[in-house]
Amino acid sequence: GARRSLGRGQGSDLAGVPGVVVVRIHEIQDVGIDEHLRQVVVRDVIRDALKKKPLTRDEVIEAVKKVRYVKDNTILVNLNDTKHFKKNKNGTYALA
């Protein structure tokens, strides 16, 4: 069938129709987790792991993944934030 776009406010007319799910993008964004908040949480998990002792890159990734399911790159981007973490000469990471 042909698709037609719904004008502003028309989506609510379909809300009562069985089998129709109306999704409003601005509502999803309000409920969704902001990317900045997601990084704050990852940074806090890294901080907690490094409070005990300096860890290697792989040890940090392993420690974070025990708490949060995130990609390695997300962890590494946070780990390279020099305001919060530093890389020691022996290759381990510690709190800055």
N, C-alpha and C. Protein backbone atom coordinates (compact mmCIF):
# COMPACT_ATOMS: atom_id res chain seq x y z
N GLY A 1 0.80 -1.18 0.00
CA GLY A 1 0.00 0.00 0.00
C GLY A 1 0.85 1.25 0.00
N ALA A 2 0.23 2.31 -0.39
CA ALA A 2 0.91 3.60 -0.41
C ALA A 2 1.05 4.12 1.01
N ARG A 3 2.17 4.71 1.28
CA ARG A 3 2.40 5.30 2.61
C ARG A 3 2.05 6.76 2.54
N ARG A 4 1.47 7.27 3.59
CA ARG A 4 1.24 8.70 3.66
C ARG A 4 1.79 9.18 4.98
N SER A 5 2.34 10.35 4.95
CA SER A 5 2.89 10.88 6.19
C SER A 5 1.76 11.49 7.01
N LEU A 6 1.91 11.41 8.29
CA LEU A 6 0.90 11.97 9.19
C LEU A 6 1.29 13.39 9.55
N GLY A 7 0.34 14.27 9.47
CA GLY A 7 0.60 15.65 9.87
C GLY A 7 0.71 15.72 11.38
N ARG A 8 1.11 16.85 11.88
CA ARG A 8 1.27 17.05 13.31
C ARG A 8 -0.07 16.82 14.01
N GLY A 9 -0.08 15.96 15.02
CA GLY A 9 -1.28 15.70 15.79
C GLY A 9 -2.14 14.57 15.26
N GLN A 10 -1.89 14.12 14.04
CA GLN A 10 -2.71 13.05 13.49
C GLN A 10 -2.38 11.69 14.07
N GLY A 11 -1.18 11.52 14.58
CA GLY A 11 -0.78 10.23 15.13
C GLY A 11 -1.69 9.77 16.26
N SER A 12 -2.16 10.71 17.06
CA SER A 12 -3.00 10.34 18.19
C SER A 12 -4.35 9.78 17.72
N ASP A 13 -4.78 10.14 16.49
CA ASP A 13 -6.02 9.60 15.94
C ASP A 13 -5.91 8.09 15.73
N LEU A 14 -4.71 7.60 15.50
CA LEU A 14 -4.49 6.18 15.24
C LEU A 14 -4.21 5.39 16.52
N ALA A 15 -4.00 6.06 17.62
CA ALA A 15 -3.60 5.39 18.86
C ALA A 15 -4.61 4.35 19.31
N GLY A 16 -5.89 4.55 19.04
CA GLY A 16 -6.91 3.61 19.49
C GLY A 16 -7.17 2.47 18.52
N VAL A 17 -6.54 2.47 17.37
CA VAL A 17 -6.76 1.43 16.36
C VAL A 17 -5.94 0.19 16.72
N PRO A 18 -6.60 -0.98 16.84
CA PRO A 18 -5.86 -2.20 17.17
C PRO A 18 -4.77 -2.49 16.15
N GLY A 19 -3.59 -2.88 16.64
CA GLY A 19 -2.48 -3.23 15.76
C GLY A 19 -1.65 -2.04 15.31
N VAL A 20 -2.03 -0.84 15.69
CA VAL A 20 -1.27 0.34 15.29
C VAL A 20 -0.51 0.86 16.50
N VAL A 21 0.79 1.01 16.32
CA VAL A 21 1.62 1.57 17.39
C VAL A 21 2.11 2.93 16.92
N VAL A 22 1.79 3.93 17.65
CA VAL A 22 2.21 5.29 17.30
C VAL A 22 3.47 5.62 18.10
N VAL A 23 4.50 6.00 17.38
CA VAL A 23 5.77 6.33 18.03
C VAL A 23 6.07 7.78 17.73
N ARG A 24 6.29 8.52 18.76
CA ARG A 24 6.67 9.93 18.61
C ARG A 24 8.14 10.05 18.97
N ILE A 25 8.93 10.50 18.03
CA ILE A 25 10.38 10.56 18.21
C ILE A 25 10.77 11.40 19.42
N HIS A 26 10.14 12.54 19.64
CA HIS A 26 10.54 13.39 20.76
C HIS A 26 10.29 12.69 22.09
N GLU A 27 9.29 11.81 22.16
CA GLU A 27 9.04 11.08 23.41
C GLU A 27 10.12 10.05 23.66
N ILE A 28 10.59 9.40 22.59
CA ILE A 28 11.66 8.41 22.74
C ILE A 28 12.93 9.11 23.23
N GLN A 29 13.23 10.28 22.67
CA GLN A 29 14.43 11.00 23.08
C GLN A 29 14.34 11.44 24.54
N ASP A 30 13.15 11.81 24.99
CA ASP A 30 13.00 12.22 26.39
C ASP A 30 13.22 11.06 27.34
N VAL A 31 12.77 9.88 26.95
CA VAL A 31 12.86 8.70 27.81
C VAL A 31 14.23 8.04 27.67
N GLY A 32 14.84 8.11 26.49
CA GLY A 32 16.10 7.43 26.22
C GLY A 32 17.25 7.98 27.05
N ILE A 33 18.32 7.20 27.10
CA ILE A 33 19.49 7.60 27.86
C ILE A 33 20.38 8.45 26.97
N ASP A 34 20.69 9.61 27.43
CA ASP A 34 21.57 10.51 26.72
C ASP A 34 22.97 9.90 26.63
N GLU A 35 23.63 10.05 25.49
CA GLU A 35 24.98 9.48 25.30
C GLU A 35 25.95 9.98 26.36
N HIS A 36 25.85 11.24 26.74
CA HIS A 36 26.73 11.79 27.78
C HIS A 36 26.55 11.03 29.10
N LEU A 37 25.31 10.75 29.47
CA LEU A 37 25.05 10.03 30.71
C LEU A 37 25.63 8.62 30.65
N ARG A 38 25.53 8.01 29.47
CA ARG A 38 26.06 6.66 29.31
C ARG A 38 27.57 6.66 29.55
N GLN A 39 28.26 7.69 29.05
CA GLN A 39 29.70 7.77 29.24
C GLN A 39 30.05 8.07 30.69
N VAL A 40 29.26 8.87 31.36
CA VAL A 40 29.51 9.14 32.77
C VAL A 40 29.50 7.83 33.55
N VAL A 41 28.54 6.99 33.26
CA VAL A 41 28.44 5.72 33.97
C VAL A 41 29.66 4.85 33.68
N VAL A 42 30.08 4.75 32.43
CA VAL A 42 31.26 3.95 32.08
C VAL A 42 32.49 4.51 32.79
N ARG A 43 32.62 5.83 32.79
CA ARG A 43 33.76 6.46 33.46
C ARG A 43 33.75 6.12 34.95
N ASP A 44 32.59 6.11 35.56
CA ASP A 44 32.49 5.76 36.98
C ASP A 44 32.88 4.30 37.22
N VAL A 45 32.50 3.43 36.31
CA VAL A 45 32.87 2.01 36.45
C VAL A 45 34.38 1.86 36.34
N ILE A 46 34.99 2.57 35.40
CA ILE A 46 36.46 2.53 35.26
C ILE A 46 37.10 3.07 36.53
N ARG A 47 36.58 4.17 37.03
CA ARG A 47 37.13 4.78 38.24
C ARG A 47 37.08 3.80 39.42
N ASP A 48 35.95 3.12 39.58
CA ASP A 48 35.82 2.13 40.66
C ASP A 48 36.84 1.01 40.51
N ALA A 49 37.07 0.56 39.28
CA ALA A 49 38.03 -0.53 39.04
C ALA A 49 39.45 -0.08 39.36
N LEU A 50 39.77 1.17 39.04
CA LEU A 50 41.14 1.66 39.24
C LEU A 50 41.41 2.14 40.66
N LYS A 51 40.37 2.25 41.49
CA LYS A 51 40.57 2.65 42.88
C LYS A 51 41.40 1.62 43.64
N LYS A 52 41.24 0.36 43.29
CA LYS A 52 41.94 -0.72 43.99
C LYS A 52 43.42 -0.76 43.64
N LYS A 53 43.71 -0.71 42.31
CA LYS A 53 45.11 -0.75 41.86
C LYS A 53 45.15 -0.40 40.38
N PRO A 54 46.32 0.01 39.88
CA PRO A 54 46.46 0.25 38.44
C PRO A 54 46.21 -1.04 37.66
N LEU A 55 45.58 -0.91 36.50
CA LEU A 55 45.25 -2.07 35.68
C LEU A 55 45.72 -1.87 34.25
N THR A 56 45.95 -2.98 33.55
CA THR A 56 46.28 -2.90 32.13
C THR A 56 45.00 -2.58 31.36
N ARG A 57 45.19 -2.23 30.11
CA ARG A 57 44.05 -1.92 29.23
C ARG A 57 43.05 -3.08 29.21
N ASP A 58 43.54 -4.29 29.01
CA ASP A 58 42.65 -5.46 28.94
C ASP A 58 41.96 -5.73 30.27
N GLU A 59 42.66 -5.49 31.37
CA GLU A 59 42.04 -5.68 32.69
C GLU A 59 40.92 -4.66 32.93
N VAL A 60 41.12 -3.43 32.45
CA VAL A 60 40.08 -2.41 32.59
C VAL A 60 38.86 -2.82 31.76
N ILE A 61 39.08 -3.24 30.53
CA ILE A 61 37.98 -3.67 29.66
C ILE A 61 37.21 -4.81 30.32
N GLU A 62 37.92 -5.78 30.83
CA GLU A 62 37.30 -6.94 31.49
C GLU A 62 36.48 -6.50 32.72
N ALA A 63 37.05 -5.61 33.51
CA ALA A 63 36.37 -5.14 34.73
C ALA A 63 35.08 -4.39 34.38
N VAL A 64 35.13 -3.53 33.37
CA VAL A 64 33.96 -2.76 32.98
C VAL A 64 32.88 -3.68 32.43
N LYS A 65 33.27 -4.66 31.61
CA LYS A 65 32.28 -5.56 31.00
C LYS A 65 31.59 -6.46 32.02
N LYS A 66 32.18 -6.62 33.19
CA LYS A 66 31.51 -7.37 34.25
C LYS A 66 30.32 -6.58 34.80
N VAL A 67 30.39 -5.25 34.67
CA VAL A 67 29.35 -4.38 35.23
C VAL A 67 28.40 -3.88 34.15
N ARG A 68 28.94 -3.48 33.00
CA ARG A 68 28.13 -2.89 31.92
C ARG A 68 28.45 -3.57 30.61
N TYR A 69 27.44 -3.76 29.77
CA TYR A 69 27.67 -4.28 28.43
C TYR A 69 27.91 -3.10 27.50
N VAL A 70 29.16 -2.85 27.18
CA VAL A 70 29.53 -1.76 26.28
C VAL A 70 30.63 -2.25 25.35
N LYS A 71 30.80 -1.55 24.23
CA LYS A 71 31.85 -1.90 23.28
C LYS A 71 33.21 -1.50 23.85
N ASP A 72 34.24 -2.22 23.41
CA ASP A 72 35.60 -1.91 23.86
C ASP A 72 35.96 -0.45 23.57
N ASN A 73 35.59 0.04 22.39
CA ASN A 73 35.94 1.42 22.03
C ASN A 73 35.33 2.44 22.97
N THR A 74 34.12 2.17 23.48
CA THR A 74 33.50 3.08 24.44
C THR A 74 34.35 3.15 25.70
N ILE A 75 34.83 2.02 26.13
CA ILE A 75 35.69 1.95 27.32
C ILE A 75 37.01 2.69 27.05
N LEU A 76 37.60 2.44 25.89
CA LEU A 76 38.90 3.04 25.58
C LEU A 76 38.82 4.55 25.41
N VAL A 77 37.72 5.04 24.83
CA VAL A 77 37.53 6.49 24.70
C VAL A 77 37.50 7.12 26.10
N ASN A 78 36.77 6.49 27.00
CA ASN A 78 36.70 7.01 28.37
C ASN A 78 38.04 6.89 29.07
N LEU A 79 38.74 5.79 28.86
CA LEU A 79 40.03 5.55 29.51
C LEU A 79 41.08 6.56 29.08
N ASN A 80 40.96 7.07 27.86
CA ASN A 80 41.93 8.04 27.34
C ASN A 80 41.60 9.47 27.73
N ASP A 81 40.63 9.65 28.61
CA ASP A 81 40.29 10.99 29.12
C ASP A 81 41.32 11.35 30.19
N THR A 82 42.26 12.20 29.82
CA THR A 82 43.39 12.51 30.71
C THR A 82 42.99 13.32 31.94
N LYS A 83 41.78 13.88 31.94
CA LYS A 83 41.32 14.59 33.14
C LYS A 83 41.03 13.59 34.27
N HIS A 84 40.73 12.35 33.91
CA HIS A 84 40.32 11.37 34.91
C HIS A 84 41.29 10.22 35.07
N PHE A 85 41.99 9.86 34.00
CA PHE A 85 42.87 8.69 34.04
C PHE A 85 44.22 9.00 33.42
N LYS A 86 45.23 8.28 33.88
CA LYS A 86 46.57 8.46 33.31
C LYS A 86 47.17 7.10 33.00
N LYS A 87 48.02 7.08 31.97
CA LYS A 87 48.72 5.85 31.60
C LYS A 87 50.12 5.90 32.19
N ASN A 88 50.43 4.92 32.98
CA ASN A 88 51.76 4.86 33.61
C ASN A 88 52.80 4.37 32.61
N LYS A 89 54.07 4.57 32.95
CA LYS A 89 55.16 4.16 32.07
C LYS A 89 55.18 2.65 31.83
N ASN A 90 54.66 1.89 32.79
CA ASN A 90 54.65 0.43 32.62
C ASN A 90 53.44 -0.07 31.84
N GLY A 91 52.63 0.87 31.33
CA GLY A 91 51.51 0.50 30.48
C GLY A 91 50.19 0.30 31.22
N THR A 92 50.20 0.44 32.54
CA THR A 92 48.95 0.31 33.30
C THR A 92 48.26 1.67 33.40
N TYR A 93 46.98 1.64 33.73
CA TYR A 93 46.22 2.86 33.89
C TYR A 93 45.90 3.08 35.36
N ALA A 94 45.84 4.35 35.76
CA ALA A 94 45.53 4.71 37.14
C ALA A 94 44.66 5.97 37.12
N LEU A 95 44.14 6.32 38.28
CA LEU A 95 43.37 7.55 38.39
C LEU A 95 44.30 8.75 38.25
N ALA A 96 43.85 9.78 37.58
CA ALA A 96 44.69 10.97 37.37
C ALA A 96 44.77 11.79 38.64
